[in-house]
Amino acid sequence: MLENSVTVFERDGLWVVSVVEHGETLEKEFLNEEFARTYAAGQALRIQKKVRQRN
């Protein structure tokens, strides 16, 4: 099972937030990096994990 995590990365000109929780992955795309990071921070607080940056 995947560990709970929140990751922010850029893909095809969009900012993606990947949230893994209880083995399930949800990806949400944003046009704006700041919006993606704000959403990621909220999700990280919710699942009590730090946001990871993927290159």
N, C-alpha and C. Protein backbone atom coordinates (compact mmCIF):
# COMPACT_ATOMS: atom_id res chain seq x y z
N MET A 1 0.85 -1.19 0.00
CA MET A 1 0.00 0.00 0.00
C MET A 1 0.89 1.24 0.00
N LEU A 2 0.49 2.23 -0.76
CA LEU A 2 1.25 3.48 -0.82
C LEU A 2 1.10 4.26 0.48
N GLU A 3 2.18 4.93 0.86
CA GLU A 3 2.16 5.78 2.05
C GLU A 3 1.39 7.07 1.75
N ASN A 4 0.66 7.57 2.71
CA ASN A 4 -0.05 8.84 2.54
C ASN A 4 0.96 9.93 2.23
N SER A 5 0.65 10.76 1.23
CA SER A 5 1.58 11.83 0.84
C SER A 5 0.86 12.89 0.02
N VAL A 6 1.51 14.06 -0.06
CA VAL A 6 1.05 15.15 -0.93
C VAL A 6 2.27 15.62 -1.71
N THR A 7 2.14 15.64 -3.04
CA THR A 7 3.26 16.02 -3.90
C THR A 7 2.79 17.06 -4.91
N VAL A 8 3.64 18.06 -5.17
CA VAL A 8 3.36 19.10 -6.17
C VAL A 8 4.42 18.98 -7.27
N PHE A 9 3.95 19.00 -8.52
CA PHE A 9 4.89 18.95 -9.64
C PHE A 9 4.25 19.59 -10.88
N GLU A 10 5.09 19.91 -11.86
CA GLU A 10 4.62 20.51 -13.10
C GLU A 10 4.57 19.44 -14.19
N ARG A 11 3.48 19.43 -14.94
CA ARG A 11 3.33 18.48 -16.05
C ARG A 11 2.59 19.17 -17.18
N ASP A 12 3.22 19.22 -18.33
CA ASP A 12 2.60 19.79 -19.53
C ASP A 12 2.08 21.21 -19.33
N GLY A 13 2.83 22.02 -18.58
CA GLY A 13 2.46 23.41 -18.37
C GLY A 13 1.43 23.64 -17.28
N LEU A 14 1.00 22.57 -16.62
CA LEU A 14 0.05 22.69 -15.51
C LEU A 14 0.73 22.26 -14.21
N TRP A 15 0.24 22.76 -13.10
CA TRP A 15 0.73 22.36 -11.79
C TRP A 15 -0.20 21.29 -11.25
N VAL A 16 0.38 20.18 -10.83
CA VAL A 16 -0.40 19.03 -10.39
C VAL A 16 -0.14 18.78 -8.91
N VAL A 17 -1.22 18.54 -8.18
CA VAL A 17 -1.12 18.12 -6.78
C VAL A 17 -1.60 16.68 -6.74
N SER A 18 -0.72 15.80 -6.29
CA SER A 18 -1.04 14.38 -6.15
C SER A 18 -1.19 14.08 -4.67
N VAL A 19 -2.37 13.58 -4.29
CA VAL A 19 -2.64 13.23 -2.89
C VAL A 19 -2.85 11.73 -2.82
N VAL A 20 -2.00 11.06 -2.05
CA VAL A 20 -2.16 9.62 -1.81
C VAL A 20 -2.69 9.46 -0.39
N GLU A 21 -3.83 8.79 -0.28
CA GLU A 21 -4.44 8.57 1.03
C GLU A 21 -5.08 7.19 1.04
N HIS A 22 -4.69 6.38 2.00
CA HIS A 22 -5.22 5.02 2.15
C HIS A 22 -5.06 4.22 0.87
N GLY A 23 -3.92 4.40 0.19
CA GLY A 23 -3.62 3.63 -1.01
C GLY A 23 -4.27 4.14 -2.29
N GLU A 24 -5.08 5.18 -2.22
CA GLU A 24 -5.72 5.75 -3.40
C GLU A 24 -5.09 7.08 -3.75
N THR A 25 -4.90 7.33 -5.05
CA THR A 25 -4.26 8.56 -5.52
C THR A 25 -5.29 9.44 -6.22
N LEU A 26 -5.28 10.72 -5.86
CA LEU A 26 -6.12 11.73 -6.51
C LEU A 26 -5.18 12.80 -7.04
N GLU A 27 -5.31 13.16 -8.32
CA GLU A 27 -4.52 14.24 -8.89
C GLU A 27 -5.45 15.38 -9.28
N LYS A 28 -5.04 16.58 -8.93
CA LYS A 28 -5.81 17.79 -9.27
C LYS A 28 -4.85 18.74 -9.99
N GLU A 29 -5.28 19.27 -11.13
CA GLU A 29 -4.45 20.16 -11.95
C GLU A 29 -4.85 21.61 -11.76
N PHE A 30 -3.83 22.49 -11.79
CA PHE A 30 -4.03 23.93 -11.62
C PHE A 30 -3.25 24.67 -12.70
N LEU A 31 -3.79 25.80 -13.14
CA LEU A 31 -3.08 26.66 -14.08
C LEU A 31 -2.04 27.51 -13.36
N ASN A 32 -2.27 27.76 -12.08
CA ASN A 32 -1.45 28.67 -11.30
C ASN A 32 -0.69 27.91 -10.21
N GLU A 33 0.62 28.08 -10.14
CA GLU A 33 1.44 27.39 -9.15
C GLU A 33 1.03 27.73 -7.72
N GLU A 34 0.74 28.99 -7.46
CA GLU A 34 0.36 29.41 -6.11
C GLU A 34 -0.92 28.71 -5.65
N PHE A 35 -1.90 28.58 -6.55
CA PHE A 35 -3.14 27.89 -6.20
C PHE A 35 -2.87 26.42 -5.89
N ALA A 36 -2.00 25.81 -6.68
CA ALA A 36 -1.64 24.40 -6.46
C ALA A 36 -0.97 24.22 -5.10
N ARG A 37 -0.05 25.11 -4.78
CA ARG A 37 0.67 24.99 -3.50
C ARG A 37 -0.26 25.24 -2.31
N THR A 38 -1.21 26.16 -2.47
CA THR A 38 -2.17 26.42 -1.40
C THR A 38 -3.07 25.21 -1.18
N TYR A 39 -3.55 24.63 -2.27
CA TYR A 39 -4.37 23.42 -2.17
C TYR A 39 -3.57 22.29 -1.52
N ALA A 40 -2.32 22.12 -1.95
CA ALA A 40 -1.46 21.06 -1.41
C ALA A 40 -1.24 21.26 0.09
N ALA A 41 -1.03 22.48 0.50
CA ALA A 41 -0.81 22.76 1.93
C ALA A 41 -2.03 22.37 2.75
N GLY A 42 -3.21 22.66 2.24
CA GLY A 42 -4.44 22.27 2.93
C GLY A 42 -4.60 20.77 3.02
N GLN A 43 -4.28 20.08 1.94
CA GLN A 43 -4.37 18.62 1.94
C GLN A 43 -3.34 18.00 2.89
N ALA A 44 -2.16 18.58 2.91
CA ALA A 44 -1.11 18.07 3.81
C ALA A 44 -1.53 18.23 5.27
N LEU A 45 -2.16 19.34 5.60
CA LEU A 45 -2.67 19.53 6.96
C LEU A 45 -3.74 18.49 7.28
N ARG A 46 -4.60 18.24 6.31
CA ARG A 46 -5.69 17.30 6.51
C ARG A 46 -5.18 15.88 6.78
N ILE A 47 -4.17 15.44 6.01
CA ILE A 47 -3.67 14.08 6.21
C ILE A 47 -2.42 14.04 7.08
N GLN A 48 -2.03 15.20 7.60
CA GLN A 48 -0.91 15.33 8.54
C GLN A 48 0.42 14.84 7.95
N LYS A 49 0.72 15.32 6.76
CA LYS A 49 1.99 15.03 6.08
C LYS A 49 2.55 16.32 5.51
N LYS A 50 3.85 16.36 5.27
CA LYS A 50 4.48 17.51 4.63
C LYS A 50 4.33 17.41 3.12
N VAL A 51 4.28 18.56 2.44
CA VAL A 51 4.19 18.61 0.98
C VAL A 51 5.57 18.31 0.42
N ARG A 52 5.59 17.41 -0.58
CA ARG A 52 6.83 17.08 -1.27
C ARG A 52 6.84 17.73 -2.65
N GLN A 53 8.00 18.17 -3.07
CA GLN A 53 8.19 18.74 -4.42
C GLN A 53 8.85 17.69 -5.27
N ARG A 54 8.27 17.39 -6.42
CA ARG A 54 8.86 16.43 -7.34
C ARG A 54 9.39 17.18 -8.54
N ASN A 55 10.58 16.84 -8.99
CA ASN A 55 11.20 17.52 -10.13
C ASN A 55 10.92 16.80 -11.41
